[in-house]
Amino acid sequence: MDFKFEEKEDETFTGLDIADADKLVEAYHNCEFVQCNLQGADLTKIRFSGCSFSGCNLSLCQLKGASFNECQFKDCKLVALDWSSAASLRSPVFDSCILDANNFSEMQLAYCNFTGSRLNDARFHGTKLKNANFSRCDLQGAEFHQCDLRSSDFRQARAYQISPLHNQISKAKFSCPDALALLQAFDIILE
């Protein structure tokens, strides 16, 4: 039997549901996904390039071998995703998304934009995040360990706990009073 590779280009998909997950094809180029609920879908090895997702729920999806290149996510719910199992996540934009309990460990995410997103309990271990934008993010419980955060923007972000002893933070931008959390690693007393 011959395998037939299927792809979609320049199409808009509105209101797709998990029941439609078996109709997903191998590749999407410059497609729009609007108000789609694919929670728990198996996206293994599916390639998304230049796609936008608006108001979608992709929580608990399987991403093993999937590719997301130059994709934009706006107002999406993306809970408990292991991006580190994806084949690639290149130049993503997450605008006002819920990214709780996501794993971004050991990834190259320089210049990644997370503006206004919630990343509660997200894991960044060994992640290259130089020039990333975390402005206005809620980072309650997020773990940053051995990360390159040089020149990243944390202005107006809240609830972060980043150790300057275990991360590279030179030239990163922070705003007060949240920046005082950076001093926790030094076991000092502020009055």
C-alpha atoms as a PDB file:
ATOM      1  CA  MET A   1       0.000   0.000   0.000  1.00  0.00           C
ATOM      2  CA  ASP A   2       1.341   3.447  -0.911  1.00  0.00           C
ATOM      3  CA  PHE A   3       1.462   6.064   1.810  1.00  0.00           C
ATOM      4  CA  LYS A   4      -0.105   9.356   0.724  1.00  0.00           C
ATOM      5  CA  PHE A   5       1.273  12.463   2.412  1.00  0.00           C
ATOM      6  CA  GLU A   6      -1.443  15.070   3.008  1.00  0.00           C
ATOM      7  CA  GLU A   7      -1.029  18.744   3.809  1.00  0.00           C
ATOM      8  CA  LYS A   8      -3.179  21.850   4.044  1.00  0.00           C
ATOM      9  CA  GLU A   9      -2.137  25.367   3.113  1.00  0.00           C
ATOM     10  CA  ASP A  10      -3.720  28.809   3.629  1.00  0.00           C
ATOM     11  CA  GLU A  11      -6.914  27.396   5.139  1.00  0.00           C
ATOM     12  CA  THR A  12      -8.970  28.470   8.151  1.00  0.00           C
ATOM     13  CA  PHE A  13     -10.331  25.895  10.583  1.00  0.00           C
ATOM     14  CA  THR A  14     -13.009  27.171  12.960  1.00  0.00           C
ATOM     15  CA  GLY A  15     -14.477  25.154  15.815  1.00  0.00           C
ATOM     16  CA  LEU A  16     -12.594  21.894  15.244  1.00  0.00           C
ATOM     17  CA  ASP A  17     -13.229  19.462  18.102  1.00  0.00           C
ATOM     18  CA  ILE A  18     -11.356  16.481  19.497  1.00  0.00           C
ATOM     19  CA  ALA A  19     -13.857  14.314  17.607  1.00  0.00           C
ATOM     20  CA  ASP A  20     -12.259  15.689  14.417  1.00  0.00           C
ATOM     21  CA  ALA A  21      -8.727  14.746  15.518  1.00  0.00           C
ATOM     22  CA  ASP A  22      -8.685  11.657  13.290  1.00  0.00           C
ATOM     23  CA  LYS A  23      -9.095  13.997  10.291  1.00  0.00           C
ATOM     24  CA  LEU A  24      -5.855  15.868  11.000  1.00  0.00           C
ATOM     25  CA  VAL A  25      -3.309  15.702   8.192  1.00  0.00           C
ATOM     26  CA  GLU A  26       0.501  15.515   8.319  1.00  0.00           C
ATOM     27  CA  ALA A  27       1.309  19.183   7.642  1.00  0.00           C
ATOM     28  CA  TYR A  28      -0.281  22.627   7.874  1.00  0.00           C
ATOM     29  CA  HIS A  29       1.260  25.713   6.259  1.00  0.00           C
ATOM     30  CA  ASN A  30       0.013  29.250   6.973  1.00  0.00           C
ATOM     31  CA  CYS A  31      -3.305  27.968   8.323  1.00  0.00           C
ATOM     32  CA  GLU A  32      -5.539  29.579  10.946  1.00  0.00           C
ATOM     33  CA  PHE A  33      -7.124  27.633  13.791  1.00  0.00           C
ATOM     34  CA  VAL A  34      -9.927  29.539  15.530  1.00  0.00           C
ATOM     35  CA  GLN A  35     -11.799  28.409  18.654  1.00  0.00           C
ATOM     36  CA  CYS A  36     -10.699  24.788  18.206  1.00  0.00           C
ATOM     37  CA  ASN A  37     -10.886  22.296  21.079  1.00  0.00           C
ATOM     38  CA  LEU A  38      -8.263  19.617  20.480  1.00  0.00           C
ATOM     39  CA  GLN A  39      -7.639  18.866  24.158  1.00  0.00           C
ATOM     40  CA  GLY A  40      -5.820  15.542  24.477  1.00  0.00           C
ATOM     41  CA  ALA A  41      -5.336  15.098  20.711  1.00  0.00           C
ATOM     42  CA  ASP A  42      -2.385  13.110  19.411  1.00  0.00           C
ATOM     43  CA  LEU A  43      -0.372  15.579  17.334  1.00  0.00           C
ATOM     44  CA  THR A  44       2.587  13.228  17.007  1.00  0.00           C
ATOM     45  CA  LYS A  45       4.756  14.114  14.012  1.00  0.00           C
ATOM     46  CA  ILE A  46       2.305  16.705  12.642  1.00  0.00           C
ATOM     47  CA  ARG A  47       4.049  19.773  11.207  1.00  0.00           C
ATOM     48  CA  PHE A  48       2.692  23.287  11.678  1.00  0.00           C
ATOM     49  CA  SER A  49       4.494  26.085   9.851  1.00  0.00           C
ATOM     50  CA  GLY A  50       3.462  29.748   9.943  1.00  0.00           C
ATOM     51  CA  CYS A  51       0.123  28.826  11.542  1.00  0.00           C
ATOM     52  CA  SER A  52      -1.928  30.894  13.973  1.00  0.00           C
ATOM     53  CA  PHE A  53      -4.056  29.559  16.812  1.00  0.00           C
ATOM     54  CA  SER A  54      -6.645  31.882  18.353  1.00  0.00           C
ATOM     55  CA  GLY A  55      -8.798  30.944  21.356  1.00  0.00           C
ATOM     56  CA  CYS A  56      -7.872  27.263  20.995  1.00  0.00           C
ATOM     57  CA  ASN A  57      -7.513  24.546  23.639  1.00  0.00           C
ATOM     58  CA  LEU A  58      -4.549  22.245  22.984  1.00  0.00           C
ATOM     59  CA  SER A  59      -4.112  21.120  26.583  1.00  0.00           C
ATOM     60  CA  LEU A  60      -2.769  17.621  27.228  1.00  0.00           C
ATOM     61  CA  CYS A  61      -1.897  17.051  23.550  1.00  0.00           C
ATOM     62  CA  GLN A  62       0.833  14.581  22.608  1.00  0.00           C
ATOM     63  CA  LEU A  63       3.604  16.509  20.839  1.00  0.00           C
ATOM     64  CA  LYS A  64       6.219  13.808  20.255  1.00  0.00           C
ATOM     65  CA  GLY A  65       7.985  14.597  16.999  1.00  0.00           C
ATOM     66  CA  ALA A  66       5.578  17.439  16.138  1.00  0.00           C
ATOM     67  CA  SER A  67       6.923  20.683  14.648  1.00  0.00           C
ATOM     68  CA  PHE A  68       5.699  24.197  15.383  1.00  0.00           C
ATOM     69  CA  ASN A  69       7.714  26.664  13.319  1.00  0.00           C
ATOM     70  CA  GLU A  70       6.925  30.378  13.389  1.00  0.00           C
ATOM     71  CA  CYS A  71       3.482  29.749  14.889  1.00  0.00           C
ATOM     72  CA  GLN A  72       1.443  32.245  16.871  1.00  0.00           C
ATOM     73  CA  PHE A  73      -0.831  31.390  19.783  1.00  0.00           C
ATOM     74  CA  LYS A  74      -3.262  34.050  21.069  1.00  0.00           C
ATOM     75  CA  ASP A  75      -5.597  33.550  24.036  1.00  0.00           C
ATOM     76  CA  CYS A  76      -5.033  29.794  23.894  1.00  0.00           C
ATOM     77  CA  LYS A  77      -5.174  27.199  26.662  1.00  0.00           C
ATOM     78  CA  LEU A  78      -2.052  25.047  26.424  1.00  0.00           C
ATOM     79  CA  VAL A  79      -1.878  23.170  29.746  1.00  0.00           C
ATOM     80  CA  ALA A  80       0.513  20.309  30.588  1.00  0.00           C
ATOM     81  CA  LEU A  81       2.369  20.185  27.273  1.00  0.00           C
ATOM     82  CA  ASP A  82       5.844  18.695  26.939  1.00  0.00           C
ATOM     83  CA  TRP A  83       7.336  20.914  24.250  1.00  0.00           C
ATOM     84  CA  SER A  84      10.709  19.244  24.793  1.00  0.00           C
ATOM     85  CA  SER A  85       9.332  16.109  23.111  1.00  0.00           C
ATOM     86  CA  ALA A  86       8.437  18.066  19.952  1.00  0.00           C
ATOM     87  CA  ALA A  87      10.792  17.856  16.975  1.00  0.00           C
ATOM     88  CA  SER A  88      10.963  21.661  16.890  1.00  0.00           C
ATOM     89  CA  LEU A  89       9.471  24.804  18.378  1.00  0.00           C
ATOM     90  CA  ARG A  90      11.013  27.646  16.412  1.00  0.00           C
ATOM     91  CA  SER A  91      10.206  31.362  16.844  1.00  0.00           C
ATOM     92  CA  PRO A  92       6.868  30.877  18.620  1.00  0.00           C
ATOM     93  CA  VAL A  93       4.704  33.728  19.909  1.00  0.00           C
ATOM     94  CA  PHE A  94       2.492  33.042  22.921  1.00  0.00           C
ATOM     95  CA  ASP A  95       0.271  36.083  23.530  1.00  0.00           C
ATOM     96  CA  SER A  96      -1.969  36.001  26.615  1.00  0.00           C
ATOM     97  CA  CYS A  97      -2.003  32.195  26.767  1.00  0.00           C
ATOM     98  CA  ILE A  98      -2.376  29.764  29.659  1.00  0.00           C
ATOM     99  CA  LEU A  99       0.791  27.636  29.643  1.00  0.00           C
ATOM    100  CA  ASP A 100       0.548  26.062  33.096  1.00  0.00           C
ATOM    101  CA  ALA A 101       2.685  22.973  33.792  1.00  0.00           C
ATOM    102  CA  ASN A 102       4.446  23.152  30.405  1.00  0.00           C
ATOM    103  CA  ASN A 103       7.928  21.683  29.964  1.00  0.00           C
ATOM    104  CA  PHE A 104      10.377  23.777  27.925  1.00  0.00           C
ATOM    105  CA  SER A 105      13.525  22.091  29.242  1.00  0.00           C
ATOM    106  CA  GLU A 106      16.715  21.835  27.163  1.00  0.00           C
ATOM    107  CA  MET A 107      15.210  23.886  24.322  1.00  0.00           C
ATOM    108  CA  GLN A 108      16.547  26.702  22.139  1.00  0.00           C
ATOM    109  CA  LEU A 109      13.982  29.499  22.600  1.00  0.00           C
ATOM    110  CA  ALA A 110      15.980  32.684  22.062  1.00  0.00           C
ATOM    111  CA  TYR A 111      13.695  35.627  21.250  1.00  0.00           C
ATOM    112  CA  CYS A 112      10.595  33.615  22.240  1.00  0.00           C
ATOM    113  CA  ASN A 113       7.630  35.825  23.115  1.00  0.00           C
ATOM    114  CA  PHE A 114       5.429  34.833  26.090  1.00  0.00           C
ATOM    115  CA  THR A 115       3.902  38.318  26.631  1.00  0.00           C
ATOM    116  CA  GLY A 116       0.982  38.424  29.059  1.00  0.00           C
ATOM    117  CA  SER A 117       0.837  34.653  29.463  1.00  0.00           C
ATOM    118  CA  ARG A 118       0.386  32.540  32.574  1.00  0.00           C
ATOM    119  CA  LEU A 119       3.174  29.989  33.054  1.00  0.00           C
ATOM    120  CA  ASN A 120       2.348  28.629  36.506  1.00  0.00           C
ATOM    121  CA  ASP A 121       4.519  25.608  37.357  1.00  0.00           C
ATOM    122  CA  ALA A 122       6.237  25.666  33.950  1.00  0.00           C
ATOM    123  CA  ARG A 123       9.710  24.078  33.750  1.00  0.00           C
ATOM    124  CA  PHE A 124      12.691  25.747  32.118  1.00  0.00           C
ATOM    125  CA  HIS A 125      15.753  23.595  32.851  1.00  0.00           C
ATOM    126  CA  GLY A 126      18.805  24.216  30.678  1.00  0.00           C
ATOM    127  CA  THR A 127      16.685  26.331  28.333  1.00  0.00           C
ATOM    128  CA  LYS A 128      18.275  28.932  26.062  1.00  0.00           C
ATOM    129  CA  LEU A 129      15.993  31.962  26.466  1.00  0.00           C
ATOM    130  CA  LYS A 130      18.286  34.835  25.495  1.00  0.00           C
ATOM    131  CA  ASN A 131      16.196  37.913  24.574  1.00  0.00           C
ATOM    132  CA  ALA A 132      12.928  36.156  25.471  1.00  0.00           C
ATOM    133  CA  ASN A 133       9.945  38.319  26.395  1.00  0.00           C
ATOM    134  CA  PHE A 134       8.177  37.428  29.668  1.00  0.00           C
ATOM    135  CA  SER A 135       6.686  40.892  30.188  1.00  0.00           C
ATOM    136  CA  ARG A 136       3.358  40.893  32.069  1.00  0.00           C
ATOM    137  CA  CYS A 137       3.601  37.118  32.666  1.00  0.00           C
ATOM    138  CA  ASP A 138       2.407  35.269  35.764  1.00  0.00           C
ATOM    139  CA  LEU A 139       5.283  32.921  36.650  1.00  0.00           C
ATOM    140  CA  GLN A 140       3.989  31.488  39.950  1.00  0.00           C
ATOM    141  CA  GLY A 141       5.870  28.256  40.640  1.00  0.00           C
ATOM    142  CA  ALA A 142       7.794  28.370  37.341  1.00  0.00           C
ATOM    143  CA  GLU A 143      11.245  26.758  37.582  1.00  0.00           C
ATOM    144  CA  PHE A 144      14.248  28.369  35.909  1.00  0.00           C
ATOM    145  CA  HIS A 145      17.426  26.321  36.376  1.00  0.00           C
ATOM    146  CA  GLN A 146      20.667  26.638  34.385  1.00  0.00           C
ATOM    147  CA  CYS A 147      18.909  28.874  31.850  1.00  0.00           C
ATOM    148  CA  ASP A 148      20.347  31.549  29.606  1.00  0.00           C
ATOM    149  CA  LEU A 149      18.098  34.529  30.347  1.00  0.00           C
ATOM    150  CA  ARG A 150      20.516  37.212  29.167  1.00  0.00           C
ATOM    151  CA  SER A 151      18.762  40.320  27.856  1.00  0.00           C
ATOM    152  CA  SER A 152      15.324  38.808  28.505  1.00  0.00           C
ATOM    153  CA  ASP A 153      12.425  41.054  29.489  1.00  0.00           C
ATOM    154  CA  PHE A 154      10.659  40.362  32.796  1.00  0.00           C
ATOM    155  CA  ARG A 155       9.200  43.847  33.229  1.00  0.00           C
ATOM    156  CA  GLN A 156       5.791  43.772  34.893  1.00  0.00           C
ATOM    157  CA  ALA A 157       6.073  39.981  35.254  1.00  0.00           C
ATOM    158  CA  ARG A 158       5.074  38.655  38.638  1.00  0.00           C
ATOM    159  CA  ALA A 159       5.703  35.801  41.054  1.00  0.00           C
ATOM    160  CA  TYR A 160       8.969  34.669  39.469  1.00  0.00           C
ATOM    161  CA  GLN A 161      11.732  33.024  41.454  1.00  0.00           C
ATOM    162  CA  ILE A 162      14.918  33.150  39.434  1.00  0.00           C
ATOM    163  CA  SER A 163      18.258  32.486  41.075  1.00  0.00           C
ATOM    164  CA  PRO A 164      21.063  34.670  39.688  1.00  0.00           C
ATOM    165  CA  LEU A 165      23.409  31.973  41.012  1.00  0.00           C
ATOM    166  CA  HIS A 166      21.920  29.245  38.807  1.00  0.00           C
ATOM    167  CA  ASN A 167      20.938  31.212  35.700  1.00  0.00           C
ATOM    168  CA  GLN A 168      22.597  33.699  33.370  1.00  0.00           C
ATOM    169  CA  ILE A 169      20.691  36.967  33.784  1.00  0.00           C
ATOM    170  CA  SER A 170      23.043  39.725  32.658  1.00  0.00           C
ATOM    171  CA  LYS A 171      21.268  42.629  30.980  1.00  0.00           C
ATOM    172  CA  ALA A 172      17.843  41.068  31.688  1.00  0.00           C
ATOM    173  CA  LYS A 173      15.168  43.668  32.411  1.00  0.00           C
ATOM    174  CA  PHE A 174      13.118  43.519  35.635  1.00  0.00           C
ATOM    175  CA  SER A 175      10.747  45.941  37.350  1.00  0.00           C
ATOM    176  CA  CYS A 176      10.306  46.727  41.040  1.00  0.00           C
ATOM    177  CA  PRO A 177       9.130  45.533  43.457  1.00  0.00           C
ATOM    178  CA  ASP A 178       9.146  42.044  41.902  1.00  0.00           C
ATOM    179  CA  ALA A 179      12.872  42.294  41.156  1.00  0.00           C
ATOM    180  CA  LEU A 180      13.546  41.955  44.898  1.00  0.00           C
ATOM    181  CA  ALA A 181      12.792  38.234  44.487  1.00  0.00           C
ATOM    182  CA  LEU A 182      16.189  37.944  42.761  1.00  0.00           C
ATOM    183  CA  LEU A 183      17.829  38.481  46.152  1.00  0.00           C
ATOM    184  CA  GLN A 184      16.330  35.326  47.699  1.00  0.00           C
ATOM    185  CA  ALA A 185      19.276  33.250  46.488  1.00  0.00           C
ATOM    186  CA  PHE A 186      21.663  35.302  48.643  1.00  0.00           C
ATOM    187  CA  ASP A 187      20.066  34.497  52.013  1.00  0.00           C
ATOM    188  CA  ILE A 188      20.049  38.136  53.100  1.00  0.00           C
ATOM    189  CA  ILE A 189      17.631  40.075  55.278  1.00  0.00           C
ATOM    190  CA  LEU A 190      15.902  43.116  53.804  1.00  0.00           C
ATOM    191  CA  GLU A 191      14.214  45.604  56.090  1.00  0.00           C
END
